């Protein structure tokens, strides 16, 4: 998918109903993540993902988007996503062209996470903060659009059932909120 195709579909089509059904019963902390779409000349749009450091308290070693909780100095959720992406992987705010966002998601760890969608130049260089991120990698957006490898399992927590999503890619297992955000992004584009 090209940038122009993505923008046409993202901006014109109505948001599809989310696959996400987890609802937290406690007060939630606000957070934002950056769904960075890297413009590759030969391979179309690539989704930038990180593998979290193994020593982290929340979601160690999981595949995720760069992002984190809202800080007092953040003026918006977009600001949070861009600040966190810079802190975690050195992504320059000036190299990210924000084009929109998806609805917020409630996570099992007590966050209300808003995905911010942006284009990023393929020429962007990264500087990993090893305290937070173990690895950066990219997956063709087309993989998520065409894959039949989207798995959903029902889990029970506090007597309520909710869906847990899995999207495998090579040796990576993308699951949870990251997987459902990708699934919803693709559903919105179709």
Protein backbone atom coordinates (compact mmCIF):
# COMPACT_ATOMS: atom_id res chain seq x y z
CA UNK A 1 0.00 0.00 0.00
CA UNK A 2 1.32 3.43 -0.89
CA UNK A 3 1.13 6.57 1.20
CA UNK A 4 -1.55 8.05 -1.06
CA UNK A 5 -3.68 4.88 -0.92
CA UNK A 6 -3.35 4.82 2.86
CA UNK A 7 -4.34 8.49 3.23
CA UNK A 8 -7.33 8.10 0.94
CA UNK A 9 -8.65 5.12 2.87
CA UNK A 10 -7.71 6.42 6.34
CA UNK A 11 -9.29 9.85 5.84
CA UNK A 12 -12.37 8.91 3.81
CA UNK A 13 -13.61 5.66 5.30
CA UNK A 14 -15.62 5.53 8.50
CA UNK A 15 -13.93 3.81 11.43
CA UNK A 16 -14.93 0.17 11.67
CA UNK A 17 -16.17 -1.23 14.96
CA UNK A 18 -13.20 -2.20 17.11
CA UNK A 19 -12.32 -5.82 17.78
CA UNK A 20 -11.27 -4.74 21.27
CA UNK A 21 -13.67 -5.57 24.06
CA UNK A 22 -11.66 -5.28 27.28
CA UNK A 23 -13.05 -2.73 29.74
CA UNK A 24 -11.27 -1.89 32.94
CA UNK A 25 -13.26 -1.26 36.11
CA UNK A 26 -10.70 0.95 37.87
CA UNK A 27 -9.53 4.51 37.07
CA UNK A 28 -7.24 4.42 34.07
CA UNK A 29 -3.97 6.24 33.42
CA UNK A 30 -3.73 7.97 30.03
CA UNK A 31 -1.11 6.86 27.52
CA UNK A 32 -0.39 7.15 23.81
CA UNK A 33 1.54 5.09 21.28
CA UNK A 34 2.87 5.98 17.85
CA UNK A 35 1.85 3.81 14.91
CA UNK A 36 4.75 4.90 12.71
CA UNK A 37 4.40 4.03 9.03
CA UNK A 38 7.78 4.10 7.35
CA UNK A 39 7.72 5.03 3.69
CA UNK A 40 9.83 2.46 1.86
CA UNK A 41 10.42 3.15 -1.84
CA UNK A 42 10.37 -0.51 -2.89
CA UNK A 43 8.27 -2.27 -0.27
CA UNK A 44 5.38 0.11 0.39
CA UNK A 45 4.52 1.20 3.91
CA UNK A 46 6.25 -0.55 6.81
CA UNK A 47 4.92 -0.59 10.38
CA UNK A 48 7.63 0.28 12.92
CA UNK A 49 7.51 -1.90 16.03
CA UNK A 50 9.69 -2.37 19.08
CA UNK A 51 10.45 -5.28 21.34
CA UNK A 52 10.37 -4.08 24.92
CA UNK A 53 13.29 -4.67 27.27
CA UNK A 54 13.00 -7.88 29.32
CA UNK A 55 13.44 -6.17 32.72
CA UNK A 56 10.47 -3.78 32.42
CA UNK A 57 7.63 -4.00 34.96
CA UNK A 58 4.83 -3.71 32.38
CA UNK A 59 4.82 -5.98 29.33
CA UNK A 60 8.49 -7.13 29.38
CA UNK A 61 9.83 -8.52 26.07
CA UNK A 62 6.54 -7.87 24.29
CA UNK A 63 6.21 -6.39 20.83
CA UNK A 64 4.73 -2.91 21.00
CA UNK A 65 4.54 0.49 19.41
CA UNK A 66 6.77 3.21 20.87
CA UNK A 67 4.80 5.07 23.50
CA UNK A 68 3.93 5.44 27.14
CA UNK A 69 2.02 7.27 29.79
CA UNK A 70 1.04 10.93 29.64
CA UNK A 71 3.35 13.22 31.59
CA UNK A 72 2.32 16.53 33.13
CA UNK A 73 4.32 18.53 30.58
CA UNK A 74 2.58 16.88 27.59
CA UNK A 75 0.14 19.26 25.92
CA UNK A 76 -1.74 16.48 24.08
CA UNK A 77 -1.84 12.76 23.39
CA UNK A 78 0.01 13.43 20.13
CA UNK A 79 2.74 15.15 22.16
CA UNK A 80 2.91 12.10 24.46
CA UNK A 81 3.31 9.67 21.55
CA UNK A 82 6.01 11.81 19.89
CA UNK A 83 7.90 12.42 23.16
CA UNK A 84 7.86 8.73 24.06
CA UNK A 85 8.99 7.70 20.56
CA UNK A 86 11.90 10.12 20.84
CA UNK A 87 12.85 8.88 24.32
CA UNK A 88 12.57 5.18 23.43
CA UNK A 89 14.01 5.01 19.91
CA UNK A 90 15.31 8.49 19.07
CA UNK A 91 12.60 9.18 16.49
CA UNK A 92 12.76 12.89 15.71
CA UNK A 93 9.48 14.76 16.20
CA UNK A 94 10.21 16.63 12.99
CA UNK A 95 10.44 13.44 10.95
CA UNK A 96 6.97 12.26 12.00
CA UNK A 97 4.00 13.57 10.03
CA UNK A 98 0.92 12.89 12.16
CA UNK A 99 -2.15 12.03 10.08
CA UNK A 100 -4.66 11.01 12.76
CA UNK A 101 -5.45 8.66 15.56
CA UNK A 102 -7.54 5.62 16.42
CA UNK A 103 -9.97 5.40 19.34
CA UNK A 104 -8.46 4.78 22.79
CA UNK A 105 -8.05 1.24 24.13
CA UNK A 106 -8.33 0.08 27.72
CA UNK A 107 -5.54 -2.32 28.69
CA UNK A 108 -5.38 -4.99 31.32
CA UNK A 109 -2.48 -3.09 32.95
CA UNK A 110 -4.76 -0.10 33.70
CA UNK A 111 -4.06 2.30 30.85
CA UNK A 112 -6.28 4.04 28.34
CA UNK A 113 -4.00 4.04 25.29
CA UNK A 114 -4.59 6.26 22.25
CA UNK A 115 -2.81 5.21 19.03
CA UNK A 116 -1.45 8.14 17.01
CA UNK A 117 -0.79 7.39 13.33
CA UNK A 118 2.12 9.09 11.54
CA UNK A 119 4.30 8.75 8.47
CA UNK A 120 8.05 8.54 9.02
CA UNK A 121 10.80 8.91 6.44
CA UNK A 122 12.81 5.79 5.60
CA UNK A 123 15.91 7.96 6.08
CA UNK A 124 15.18 8.39 9.80
CA UNK A 125 17.92 6.98 12.01
CA UNK A 126 17.19 5.55 15.45
CA UNK A 127 18.89 5.55 18.82
CA UNK A 128 17.52 2.81 21.09
CA UNK A 129 17.21 3.45 24.81
CA UNK A 130 18.30 -0.01 26.01
CA UNK A 131 16.57 0.62 29.34
CA UNK A 132 13.22 0.49 27.54
CA UNK A 133 13.69 -1.17 24.15
CA UNK A 134 15.57 -4.31 23.16
CA UNK A 135 14.95 -4.11 19.41
CA UNK A 136 13.35 -2.11 16.58
CA UNK A 137 11.97 -3.85 13.51
CA UNK A 138 9.57 -3.20 10.65
CA UNK A 139 6.73 -5.25 9.21
CA UNK A 140 5.16 -4.52 5.83
CA UNK A 141 1.68 -3.07 6.36
CA UNK A 142 0.62 -5.40 3.55
CA UNK A 143 1.38 -8.38 5.83
CA UNK A 144 -1.34 -7.29 8.25
CA UNK A 145 -3.75 -6.53 5.39
CA UNK A 146 -3.36 -9.92 3.69
CA UNK A 147 -2.54 -12.34 6.50
CA UNK A 148 -4.90 -15.11 7.52
CA UNK A 149 -2.81 -15.58 10.65
CA UNK A 150 -4.93 -13.42 12.93
CA UNK A 151 -5.81 -15.45 16.00
CA UNK A 152 -8.29 -14.52 18.72
CA UNK A 153 -8.60 -16.32 22.03
CA UNK A 154 -11.12 -15.68 24.75
CA UNK A 155 -9.67 -15.10 28.21
CA UNK A 156 -11.47 -14.56 31.48
CA UNK A 157 -10.51 -11.94 34.05
CA UNK A 158 -12.56 -10.98 37.09
CA UNK A 159 -15.42 -13.12 35.81
CA UNK A 160 -15.63 -11.34 32.44
CA UNK A 161 -14.59 -12.72 29.07
CA UNK A 162 -12.50 -10.64 26.68
CA UNK A 163 -10.67 -11.27 23.43
CA UNK A 164 -6.89 -11.55 23.20
CA UNK A 165 -5.51 -11.01 19.69
CA UNK A 166 -2.37 -12.55 18.16
CA UNK A 167 -0.70 -11.61 14.85
CA UNK A 168 2.45 -13.65 14.21
CA UNK A 169 5.18 -12.31 11.92
CA UNK A 170 8.33 -14.36 11.30
CA UNK A 171 9.68 -15.15 14.79
CA UNK A 172 7.70 -12.35 16.46
CA UNK A 173 4.40 -12.87 18.27
CA UNK A 174 2.51 -9.60 18.19
CA UNK A 175 -0.35 -9.80 20.65
CA UNK A 176 -2.64 -7.94 23.01
CA UNK A 177 -3.31 -4.24 22.52
CA UNK A 178 -0.68 -3.91 19.77
CA UNK A 179 -2.29 -6.70 17.74
CA UNK A 180 -5.83 -5.36 18.12
CA UNK A 181 -4.70 -1.83 17.20
CA UNK A 182 -3.17 -3.25 13.99
CA UNK A 183 -6.29 -5.29 13.32
CA UNK A 184 -8.49 -2.21 13.78
CA UNK A 185 -6.21 -0.08 11.56
CA UNK A 186 -6.47 -2.68 8.79
CA UNK A 187 -10.25 -2.97 9.25
CA UNK A 188 -10.50 0.81 8.91
CA UNK A 189 -8.54 0.71 5.64
CA UNK A 190 -10.70 -1.97 4.03
